[in-house]
Amino acid sequence: MSITNSFGTTQTSFELEAPARLALAMPRGLPHDRQLQVHGSDNLEFTIEYSADLQTWRTLTGGQLVDGRAVVLIPESIIGNHAFFRGRYLPFGVDDD
């Protein structure tokens, strides 16, 4: 890419790369000790959503991956008889409100 202005021309190049797939894992543990382990690309912001019926999704929490990892605690009140979880990356500079 070349950029030209009144001070001259500069050239640069860059590569865009897709982030690693965001993966969620729930380690086996005591029922009151629920957590999701989140794995993905380093330093990217993410959100975790939950649903009881796969139709209506609510935000549980969000954060930023450090070294490609994060741990999300799941309150017992969300789980009930069952719950579904999904994660997604957030676009840069956009809050999940």
PDB file of N, CA and C in Angstrom:
ATOM      1  N   MET A   1       0.836  -1.128   0.000  1.00  0.00           N
ATOM      2  CA  MET A   1       0.000   0.000   0.000  1.00  0.00           C
ATOM      3  C   MET A   1       0.905   1.222   0.000  1.00  0.00           C
ATOM      4  N   SER A   2       0.566   2.194  -0.795  1.00  0.00           N
ATOM      5  CA  SER A   2       1.283   3.459  -0.830  1.00  0.00           C
ATOM      6  C   SER A   2       0.365   4.571  -0.351  1.00  0.00           C
ATOM      7  N   ILE A   3       0.910   5.438   0.473  1.00  0.00           N
ATOM      8  CA  ILE A   3       0.180   6.605   0.944  1.00  0.00           C
ATOM      9  C   ILE A   3       0.969   7.830   0.540  1.00  0.00           C
ATOM     10  N   THR A   4       0.297   8.760  -0.123  1.00  0.00           N
ATOM     11  CA  THR A   4       0.949   9.976  -0.595  1.00  0.00           C
ATOM     12  C   THR A   4       0.227  11.189  -0.039  1.00  0.00           C
ATOM     13  N   ASN A   5       1.019  12.140   0.450  1.00  0.00           N
ATOM     14  CA  ASN A   5       0.478  13.429   0.855  1.00  0.00           C
ATOM     15  C   ASN A   5       1.489  14.507   0.496  1.00  0.00           C
ATOM     16  N   SER A   6       1.299  15.701   1.001  1.00  0.00           N
ATOM     17  CA  SER A   6       2.175  16.812   0.617  1.00  0.00           C
ATOM     18  C   SER A   6       3.602  16.635   1.116  1.00  0.00           C
ATOM     19  N   PHE A   7       3.816  15.725   2.059  1.00  0.00           N
ATOM     20  CA  PHE A   7       5.156  15.478   2.575  1.00  0.00           C
ATOM     21  C   PHE A   7       5.891  14.368   1.839  1.00  0.00           C
ATOM     22  N   GLY A   8       5.198  13.663   0.949  1.00  0.00           N
ATOM     23  CA  GLY A   8       5.838  12.601   0.192  1.00  0.00           C
ATOM     24  C   GLY A   8       5.004  11.336   0.171  1.00  0.00           C
ATOM     25  N   THR A   9       5.683  10.246  -0.141  1.00  0.00           N
ATOM     26  CA  THR A   9       5.027   8.952  -0.271  1.00  0.00           C
ATOM     27  C   THR A   9       5.682   7.959   0.675  1.00  0.00           C
ATOM     28  N   THR A  10       4.869   7.126   1.284  1.00  0.00           N
ATOM     29  CA  THR A  10       5.387   6.047   2.114  1.00  0.00           C
ATOM     30  C   THR A  10       4.694   4.758   1.697  1.00  0.00           C
ATOM     31  N   GLN A  11       5.381   3.660   1.857  1.00  0.00           N
ATOM     32  CA  GLN A  11       4.811   2.360   1.499  1.00  0.00           C
ATOM     33  C   GLN A  11       4.849   1.449   2.716  1.00  0.00           C
ATOM     34  N   THR A  12       3.844   0.618   2.805  1.00  0.00           N
ATOM     35  CA  THR A  12       3.775  -0.349   3.894  1.00  0.00           C
ATOM     36  C   THR A  12       3.036  -1.584   3.405  1.00  0.00           C
ATOM     37  N   SER A  13       3.191  -2.666   4.110  1.00  0.00           N
ATOM     38  CA  SER A  13       2.441  -3.876   3.777  1.00  0.00           C
ATOM     39  C   SER A  13       2.009  -4.532   5.087  1.00  0.00           C
ATOM     40  N   PHE A  14       0.945  -5.302   5.010  1.00  0.00           N
ATOM     41  CA  PHE A  14       0.439  -5.987   6.195  1.00  0.00           C
ATOM     42  C   PHE A  14      -0.372  -7.184   5.753  1.00  0.00           C
ATOM     43  N   GLU A  15      -0.564  -8.106   6.675  1.00  0.00           N
ATOM     44  CA  GLU A  15      -1.390  -9.289   6.425  1.00  0.00           C
ATOM     45  C   GLU A  15      -2.521  -9.325   7.429  1.00  0.00           C
ATOM     46  N   LEU A  16      -3.683  -9.677   6.945  1.00  0.00           N
ATOM     47  CA  LEU A  16      -4.817  -9.892   7.836  1.00  0.00           C
ATOM     48  C   LEU A  16      -4.981 -11.387   8.037  1.00  0.00           C
ATOM     49  N   GLU A  17      -5.291 -11.754   9.247  1.00  0.00           N
ATOM     50  CA  GLU A  17      -5.396 -13.169   9.584  1.00  0.00           C
ATOM     51  C   GLU A  17      -6.667 -13.391  10.403  1.00  0.00           C
ATOM     52  N   ALA A  18      -7.396 -14.422  10.094  1.00  0.00           N
ATOM     53  CA  ALA A  18      -8.611 -14.743  10.855  1.00  0.00           C
ATOM     54  C   ALA A  18      -8.214 -15.210  12.252  1.00  0.00           C
ATOM     55  N   PRO A  19      -8.975 -14.822  13.268  1.00  0.00           N
ATOM     56  CA  PRO A  19      -8.658 -15.293  14.620  1.00  0.00           C
ATOM     57  C   PRO A  19      -8.944 -16.785  14.756  1.00  0.00           C
ATOM     58  N   ALA A  20      -8.314 -17.376  15.753  1.00  0.00           N
ATOM     59  CA  ALA A  20      -8.587 -18.784  16.061  1.00  0.00           C
ATOM     60  C   ALA A  20     -10.043 -18.903  16.501  1.00  0.00           C
ATOM     61  N   ARG A  21     -10.639 -20.029  16.246  1.00  0.00           N
ATOM     62  CA  ARG A  21     -12.022 -20.262  16.655  1.00  0.00           C
ATOM     63  C   ARG A  21     -12.129 -20.145  18.174  1.00  0.00           C
ATOM     64  N   LEU A  22     -13.165 -19.454  18.632  1.00  0.00           N
ATOM     65  CA  LEU A  22     -13.395 -19.305  20.060  1.00  0.00           C
ATOM     66  C   LEU A  22     -13.995 -20.611  20.585  1.00  0.00           C
ATOM     67  N   ALA A  23     -13.341 -21.229  21.541  1.00  0.00           N
ATOM     68  CA  ALA A  23     -13.780 -22.525  22.060  1.00  0.00           C
ATOM     69  C   ALA A  23     -14.121 -22.399  23.537  1.00  0.00           C
ATOM     70  N   LEU A  24     -15.207 -23.053  23.937  1.00  0.00           N
ATOM     71  CA  LEU A  24     -15.633 -23.081  25.329  1.00  0.00           C
ATOM     72  C   LEU A  24     -15.536 -24.508  25.845  1.00  0.00           C
ATOM     73  N   ALA A  25     -15.035 -24.668  27.050  1.00  0.00           N
ATOM     74  CA  ALA A  25     -14.956 -25.991  27.672  1.00  0.00           C
ATOM     75  C   ALA A  25     -15.374 -25.876  29.124  1.00  0.00           C
ATOM     76  N   MET A  26     -16.153 -26.836  29.589  1.00  0.00           N
ATOM     77  CA  MET A  26     -16.578 -26.870  30.983  1.00  0.00           C
ATOM     78  C   MET A  26     -15.907 -28.061  31.649  1.00  0.00           C
ATOM     79  N   PRO A  27     -14.915 -27.788  32.501  1.00  0.00           N
ATOM     80  CA  PRO A  27     -14.255 -28.913  33.179  1.00  0.00           C
ATOM     81  C   PRO A  27     -15.209 -29.584  34.150  1.00  0.00           C
ATOM     82  N   ARG A  28     -15.003 -30.850  34.351  1.00  0.00           N
ATOM     83  CA  ARG A  28     -15.852 -31.577  35.296  1.00  0.00           C
ATOM     84  C   ARG A  28     -15.483 -31.143  36.709  1.00  0.00           C
ATOM     85  N   GLY A  29     -16.487 -30.947  37.509  1.00  0.00           N
ATOM     86  CA  GLY A  29     -16.251 -30.527  38.886  1.00  0.00           C
ATOM     87  C   GLY A  29     -17.528 -30.631  39.679  1.00  0.00           C
ATOM     88  N   LEU A  30     -17.507 -30.122  40.836  1.00  0.00           N
ATOM     89  CA  LEU A  30     -18.696 -30.127  41.676  1.00  0.00           C
ATOM     90  C   LEU A  30     -19.768 -29.248  41.043  1.00  0.00           C
ATOM     91  N   PRO A  31     -21.028 -29.565  41.244  1.00  0.00           N
ATOM     92  CA  PRO A  31     -22.103 -28.781  40.632  1.00  0.00           C
ATOM     93  C   PRO A  31     -22.071 -27.296  40.989  1.00  0.00           C
ATOM     94  N   HIS A  32     -21.595 -26.955  42.189  1.00  0.00           N
ATOM     95  CA  HIS A  32     -21.563 -25.548  42.584  1.00  0.00           C
ATOM     96  C   HIS A  32     -20.294 -24.839  42.111  1.00  0.00           C
ATOM     97  N   ASP A  33     -19.417 -25.554  41.447  1.00  0.00           N
ATOM     98  CA  ASP A  33     -18.138 -24.990  41.014  1.00  0.00           C
ATOM     99  C   ASP A  33     -18.087 -24.928  39.495  1.00  0.00           C
ATOM    100  N   ARG A  34     -19.066 -24.278  38.874  1.00  0.00           N
ATOM    101  CA  ARG A  34     -19.172 -24.236  37.418  1.00  0.00           C
ATOM    102  C   ARG A  34     -18.342 -23.103  36.842  1.00  0.00           C
ATOM    103  N   GLN A  35     -17.600 -23.427  35.831  1.00  0.00           N
ATOM    104  CA  GLN A  35     -16.845 -22.412  35.110  1.00  0.00           C
ATOM    105  C   GLN A  35     -16.669 -22.845  33.669  1.00  0.00           C
ATOM    106  N   LEU A  36     -16.522 -21.860  32.818  1.00  0.00           N
ATOM    107  CA  LEU A  36     -16.204 -22.123  31.417  1.00  0.00           C
ATOM    108  C   LEU A  36     -14.774 -21.691  31.168  1.00  0.00           C
ATOM    109  N   GLN A  37     -14.027 -22.533  30.511  1.00  0.00           N
ATOM    110  CA  GLN A  37     -12.703 -22.147  30.058  1.00  0.00           C
ATOM    111  C   GLN A  37     -12.853 -21.684  28.620  1.00  0.00           C
ATOM    112  N   VAL A  38     -12.360 -20.502  28.328  1.00  0.00           N
ATOM    113  CA  VAL A  38     -12.482 -19.899  27.009  1.00  0.00           C
ATOM    114  C   VAL A  38     -11.093 -19.889  26.376  1.00  0.00           C
ATOM    115  N   HIS A  39     -11.012 -20.384  25.137  1.00  0.00           N
ATOM    116  CA  HIS A  39      -9.742 -20.423  24.413  1.00  0.00           C
ATOM    117  C   HIS A  39      -9.939 -19.781  23.046  1.00  0.00           C
ATOM    118  N   GLY A  40      -8.982 -18.966  22.634  1.00  0.00           N
ATOM    119  CA  GLY A  40      -9.069 -18.312  21.334  1.00  0.00           C
ATOM    120  C   GLY A  40      -7.797 -17.538  21.038  1.00  0.00           C
ATOM    121  N   SER A  41      -7.928 -16.495  20.250  1.00  0.00           N
ATOM    122  CA  SER A  41      -6.787 -15.667  19.858  1.00  0.00           C
ATOM    123  C   SER A  41      -6.468 -14.645  20.944  1.00  0.00           C
ATOM    124  N   ASP A  42      -5.192 -14.447  21.187  1.00  0.00           N
ATOM    125  CA  ASP A  42      -4.703 -13.565  22.227  1.00  0.00           C
ATOM    126  C   ASP A  42      -5.190 -12.129  22.056  1.00  0.00           C
ATOM    127  N   ASN A  43      -5.559 -11.519  23.166  1.00  0.00           N
ATOM    128  CA  ASN A  43      -5.907 -10.099  23.269  1.00  0.00           C
ATOM    129  C   ASN A  43      -7.208  -9.696  22.589  1.00  0.00           C
ATOM    130  N   LEU A  44      -8.020 -10.627  22.150  1.00  0.00           N
ATOM    131  CA  LEU A  44      -9.292 -10.261  21.529  1.00  0.00           C
ATOM    132  C   LEU A  44     -10.398 -10.228  22.584  1.00  0.00           C
ATOM    133  N   GLU A  45     -11.329  -9.294  22.415  1.00  0.00           N
ATOM    134  CA  GLU A  45     -12.468  -9.194  23.321  1.00  0.00           C
ATOM    135  C   GLU A  45     -13.539 -10.192  22.906  1.00  0.00           C
ATOM    136  N   PHE A  46     -14.231 -10.745  23.899  1.00  0.00           N
ATOM    137  CA  PHE A  46     -15.248 -11.761  23.639  1.00  0.00           C
ATOM    138  C   PHE A  46     -16.447 -11.523  24.542  1.00  0.00           C
ATOM    139  N   THR A  47     -17.543 -12.163  24.210  1.00  0.00           N
ATOM    140  CA  THR A  47     -18.718 -12.186  25.079  1.00  0.00           C
ATOM    141  C   THR A  47     -19.215 -13.620  25.155  1.00  0.00           C
ATOM    142  N   ILE A  48     -19.766 -13.982  26.316  1.00  0.00           N
ATOM    143  CA  ILE A  48     -20.369 -15.295  26.525  1.00  0.00           C
ATOM    144  C   ILE A  48     -21.858 -15.068  26.741  1.00  0.00           C
ATOM    145  N   GLU A  49     -22.679 -15.818  26.026  1.00  0.00           N
ATOM    146  CA  GLU A  49     -24.125 -15.714  26.131  1.00  0.00           C
ATOM    147  C   GLU A  49     -24.692 -17.062  26.574  1.00  0.00           C
ATOM    148  N   TYR A  50     -25.873 -17.030  27.195  1.00  0.00           N
ATOM    149  CA  TYR A  50     -26.503 -18.270  27.643  1.00  0.00           C
ATOM    150  C   TYR A  50     -27.984 -18.271  27.269  1.00  0.00           C
ATOM    151  N   SER A  51     -28.550 -19.479  27.187  1.00  0.00           N
ATOM    152  CA  SER A  51     -29.953 -19.647  26.828  1.00  0.00           C
ATOM    153  C   SER A  51     -30.477 -20.931  27.459  1.00  0.00           C
ATOM    154  N   ALA A  52     -31.762 -20.939  27.760  1.00  0.00           N
ATOM    155  CA  ALA A  52     -32.413 -22.155  28.252  1.00  0.00           C
ATOM    156  C   ALA A  52     -33.108 -22.896  27.120  1.00  0.00           C
ATOM    157  N   ASP A  53     -33.343 -22.202  25.989  1.00  0.00           N
ATOM    158  CA  ASP A  53     -34.142 -22.794  24.908  1.00  0.00           C
ATOM    159  C   ASP A  53     -33.519 -22.664  23.508  1.00  0.00           C
ATOM    160  N   LEU A  54     -32.309 -22.159  23.417  1.00  0.00           N
ATOM    161  CA  LEU A  54     -31.611 -21.924  22.137  1.00  0.00           C
ATOM    162  C   LEU A  54     -32.306 -20.890  21.247  1.00  0.00           C
ATOM    163  N   GLN A  55     -33.293 -20.202  21.776  1.00  0.00           N
ATOM    164  CA  GLN A  55     -34.000 -19.154  21.027  1.00  0.00           C
ATOM    165  C   GLN A  55     -33.676 -17.773  21.592  1.00  0.00           C
ATOM    166  N   THR A  56     -33.764 -17.653  22.888  1.00  0.00           N
ATOM    167  CA  THR A  56     -33.539 -16.378  23.561  1.00  0.00           C
ATOM    168  C   THR A  56     -32.168 -16.412  24.225  1.00  0.00           C
ATOM    169  N   TRP A  57     -31.279 -15.522  23.801  1.00  0.00           N
ATOM    170  CA  TRP A  57     -29.919 -15.487  24.325  1.00  0.00           C
ATOM    171  C   TRP A  57     -29.729 -14.236  25.174  1.00  0.00           C
ATOM    172  N   ARG A  58     -29.020 -14.398  26.287  1.00  0.00           N
ATOM    173  CA  ARG A  58     -28.705 -13.282  27.183  1.00  0.00           C
ATOM    174  C   ARG A  58     -27.200 -13.260  27.420  1.00  0.00           C
ATOM    175  N   THR A  59     -26.674 -12.065  27.625  1.00  0.00           N
ATOM    176  CA  THR A  59     -25.247 -11.922  27.904  1.00  0.00           C
ATOM    177  C   THR A  59     -24.945 -12.355  29.335  1.00  0.00           C
ATOM    178  N   LEU A  60     -23.984 -13.233  29.480  1.00  0.00           N
ATOM    179  CA  LEU A  60     -23.514 -13.650  30.801  1.00  0.00           C
ATOM    180  C   LEU A  60     -22.381 -12.731  31.235  1.00  0.00           C
ATOM    181  N   THR A  61     -21.384 -12.584  30.388  1.00  0.00           N
ATOM    182  CA  THR A  61     -20.224 -11.764  30.710  1.00  0.00           C
ATOM    183  C   THR A  61     -19.384 -11.582  29.452  1.00  0.00           C
ATOM    184  N   GLY A  62     -18.342 -10.841  29.577  1.00  0.00           N
ATOM    185  CA  GLY A  62     -17.399 -10.644  28.487  1.00  0.00           C
ATOM    186  C   GLY A  62     -16.037 -10.351  29.077  1.00  0.00           C
ATOM    187  N   GLY A  63     -15.085 -10.195  28.204  1.00  0.00           N
ATOM    188  CA  GLY A  63     -13.734  -9.909  28.673  1.00  0.00           C
ATOM    189  C   GLY A  63     -12.760  -9.902  27.531  1.00  0.00           C
ATOM    190  N   GLN A  64     -11.506  -9.990  27.886  1.00  0.00           N
ATOM    191  CA  GLN A  64     -10.436 -10.022  26.894  1.00  0.00           C
ATOM    192  C   GLN A  64      -9.570 -11.246  27.171  1.00  0.00           C
ATOM    193  N   LEU A  65      -9.240 -11.959  26.124  1.00  0.00           N
ATOM    194  CA  LEU A  65      -8.399 -13.139  26.265  1.00  0.00           C
ATOM    195  C   LEU A  65      -6.963 -12.711  26.565  1.00  0.00           C
ATOM    196  N   VAL A  66      -6.370 -13.322  27.563  1.00  0.00           N
ATOM    197  CA  VAL A  66      -4.975 -13.079  27.911  1.00  0.00           C
ATOM    198  C   VAL A  66      -4.223 -14.364  27.621  1.00  0.00           C
ATOM    199  N   ASP A  67      -3.226 -14.286  26.796  1.00  0.00           N
ATOM    200  CA  ASP A  67      -2.509 -15.480  26.322  1.00  0.00           C
ATOM    201  C   ASP A  67      -3.482 -16.468  25.691  1.00  0.00           C
ATOM    202  N   GLY A  68      -4.556 -15.934  25.092  1.00  0.00           N
ATOM    203  CA  GLY A  68      -5.531 -16.771  24.393  1.00  0.00           C
ATOM    204  C   GLY A  68      -6.493 -17.507  25.304  1.00  0.00           C
ATOM    205  N   ARG A  69      -6.548 -17.116  26.595  1.00  0.00           N
ATOM    206  CA  ARG A  69      -7.386 -17.850  27.544  1.00  0.00           C
ATOM    207  C   ARG A  69      -8.121 -16.923  28.498  1.00  0.00           C
ATOM    208  N   ALA A  70      -9.233 -17.422  29.013  1.00  0.00           N
ATOM    209  CA  ALA A  70      -9.981 -16.743  30.075  1.00  0.00           C
ATOM    210  C   ALA A  70     -10.818 -17.794  30.796  1.00  0.00           C
ATOM    211  N   VAL A  71     -11.210 -17.482  32.013  1.00  0.00           N
ATOM    212  CA  VAL A  71     -12.094 -18.339  32.791  1.00  0.00           C
ATOM    213  C   VAL A  71     -13.312 -17.513  33.162  1.00  0.00           C
ATOM    214  N   VAL A  72     -14.485 -18.071  32.910  1.00  0.00           N
ATOM    215  CA  VAL A  72     -15.746 -17.401  33.208  1.00  0.00           C
ATOM    216  C   VAL A  72     -16.491 -18.223  34.247  1.00  0.00           C
ATOM    217  N   LEU A  73     -16.853 -17.593  35.353  1.00  0.00           N
ATOM    218  CA  LEU A  73     -17.624 -18.275  36.390  1.00  0.00           C
ATOM    219  C   LEU A  73     -19.102 -18.214  36.031  1.00  0.00           C
ATOM    220  N   ILE A  74     -19.806 -19.328  36.251  1.00  0.00           N
ATOM    221  CA  ILE A  74     -21.226 -19.430  35.915  1.00  0.00           C
ATOM    222  C   ILE A  74     -22.027 -19.531  37.206  1.00  0.00           C
ATOM    223  N   PRO A  75     -22.856 -18.539  37.510  1.00  0.00           N
ATOM    224  CA  PRO A  75     -23.683 -18.630  38.712  1.00  0.00           C
ATOM    225  C   PRO A  75     -24.655 -19.805  38.619  1.00  0.00           C
ATOM    226  N   GLU A  76     -24.889 -20.458  39.750  1.00  0.00           N
ATOM    227  CA  GLU A  76     -25.826 -21.593  39.780  1.00  0.00           C
ATOM    228  C   GLU A  76     -27.213 -21.184  39.306  1.00  0.00           C
ATOM    229  N   SER A  77     -27.610 -19.945  39.576  1.00  0.00           N
ATOM    230  CA  SER A  77     -28.951 -19.487  39.208  1.00  0.00           C
ATOM    231  C   SER A  77     -29.179 -19.503  37.699  1.00  0.00           C
ATOM    232  N   ILE A  78     -28.132 -19.445  36.915  1.00  0.00           N
ATOM    233  CA  ILE A  78     -28.273 -19.470  35.455  1.00  0.00           C
ATOM    234  C   ILE A  78     -28.475 -20.891  34.947  1.00  0.00           C
ATOM    235  N   ILE A  79     -27.862 -21.835  35.588  1.00  0.00           N
ATOM    236  CA  ILE A  79     -27.877 -23.203  35.082  1.00  0.00           C
ATOM    237  C   ILE A  79     -29.265 -23.833  35.183  1.00  0.00           C
ATOM    238  N   GLY A  80     -29.939 -23.724  36.333  1.00  0.00           N
ATOM    239  CA  GLY A  80     -31.249 -24.367  36.490  1.00  0.00           C
ATOM    240  C   GLY A  80     -31.139 -25.847  36.176  1.00  0.00           C
ATOM    241  N   ASN A  81     -32.110 -26.372  35.419  1.00  0.00           N
ATOM    242  CA  ASN A  81     -32.052 -27.771  34.992  1.00  0.00           C
ATOM    243  C   ASN A  81     -31.056 -27.973  33.865  1.00  0.00           C
ATOM    244  N   HIS A  82     -30.907 -26.952  33.027  1.00  0.00           N
ATOM    245  CA  HIS A  82     -29.943 -27.015  31.932  1.00  0.00           C
ATOM    246  C   HIS A  82     -29.734 -25.610  31.375  1.00  0.00           C
ATOM    247  N   ALA A  83     -28.638 -25.428  30.662  1.00  0.00           N
ATOM    248  CA  ALA A  83     -28.353 -24.155  30.002  1.00  0.00           C
ATOM    249  C   ALA A  83     -27.426 -24.413  28.832  1.00  0.00           C
ATOM    250  N   PHE A  84     -27.545 -23.584  27.825  1.00  0.00           N
ATOM    251  CA  PHE A  84     -26.671 -23.633  26.658  1.00  0.00           C
ATOM    252  C   PHE A  84     -25.818 -22.374  26.670  1.00  0.00           C
ATOM    253  N   PHE A  85     -24.589 -22.501  26.204  1.00  0.00           N
ATOM    254  CA  PHE A  85     -23.666 -21.366  26.185  1.00  0.00           C
ATOM    255  C   PHE A  85     -23.070 -21.228  24.788  1.00  0.00           C
ATOM    256  N   ARG A  86     -22.794 -19.985  24.424  1.00  0.00           N
ATOM    257  CA  ARG A  86     -22.069 -19.725  23.182  1.00  0.00           C
ATOM    258  C   ARG A  86     -21.161 -18.523  23.416  1.00  0.00           C
ATOM    259  N   GLY A  87     -20.105 -18.470  22.662  1.00  0.00           N
ATOM    260  CA  GLY A  87     -19.172 -17.355  22.764  1.00  0.00           C
ATOM    261  C   GLY A  87     -18.930 -16.766  21.394  1.00  0.00           C
ATOM    262  N   ARG A  88     -18.595 -15.491  21.381  1.00  0.00           N
ATOM    263  CA  ARG A  88     -18.257 -14.842  20.121  1.00  0.00           C
ATOM    264  C   ARG A  88     -17.290 -13.706  20.394  1.00  0.00           C
ATOM    265  N   TYR A  89     -16.480 -13.426  19.386  1.00  0.00           N
ATOM    266  CA  TYR A  89     -15.585 -12.280  19.474  1.00  0.00           C
ATOM    267  C   TYR A  89     -16.386 -11.013  19.252  1.00  0.00           C
ATOM    268  N   LEU A  90     -15.951  -9.937  19.868  1.00  0.00           N
ATOM    269  CA  LEU A  90     -16.565  -8.637  19.637  1.00  0.00           C
ATOM    270  C   LEU A  90     -15.725  -7.865  18.622  1.00  0.00           C
ATOM    271  N   PRO A  91     -16.353  -7.070  17.798  1.00  0.00           N
ATOM    272  CA  PRO A  91     -15.585  -6.226  16.869  1.00  0.00           C
ATOM    273  C   PRO A  91     -14.723  -5.249  17.664  1.00  0.00           C
ATOM    274  N   PHE A  92     -13.596  -4.866  17.100  1.00  0.00           N
ATOM    275  CA  PHE A  92     -12.715  -3.908  17.757  1.00  0.00           C
ATOM    276  C   PHE A  92     -13.434  -2.594  17.987  1.00  0.00           C
ATOM    277  N   GLY A  93     -13.293  -2.041  19.203  1.00  0.00           N
ATOM    278  CA  GLY A  93     -13.837  -0.732  19.491  1.00  0.00           C
ATOM    279  C   GLY A  93     -15.334  -0.673  19.681  1.00  0.00           C
ATOM    280  N   VAL A  94     -15.996  -1.822  19.797  1.00  0.00           N
ATOM    281  CA  VAL A  94     -17.459  -1.836  19.958  1.00  0.00           C
ATOM    282  C   VAL A  94     -17.777  -2.495  21.292  1.00  0.00           C
ATOM    283  N   ASP A  95     -18.475  -1.763  22.157  1.00  0.00           N
ATOM    284  CA  ASP A  95     -18.919  -2.337  23.433  1.00  0.00           C
ATOM    285  C   ASP A  95     -20.117  -3.218  23.190  1.00  0.00           C
ATOM    286  N   ASP A  96     -20.294  -4.240  24.024  1.00  0.00           N
ATOM    287  CA  ASP A  96     -21.416  -5.175  23.885  1.00  0.00           C
ATOM    288  C   ASP A  96     -22.574  -4.740  24.774  1.00  0.00           C
ATOM    289  N   ASP A  97     -23.143  -3.597  24.487  1.00  0.00           N
ATOM    290  CA  ASP A  97     -24.277  -3.076  25.267  1.00  0.00           C
ATOM    291  C   ASP A  97     -25.569  -3.240  24.530  1.00  0.00           C
TER     292      ASP A  97
END
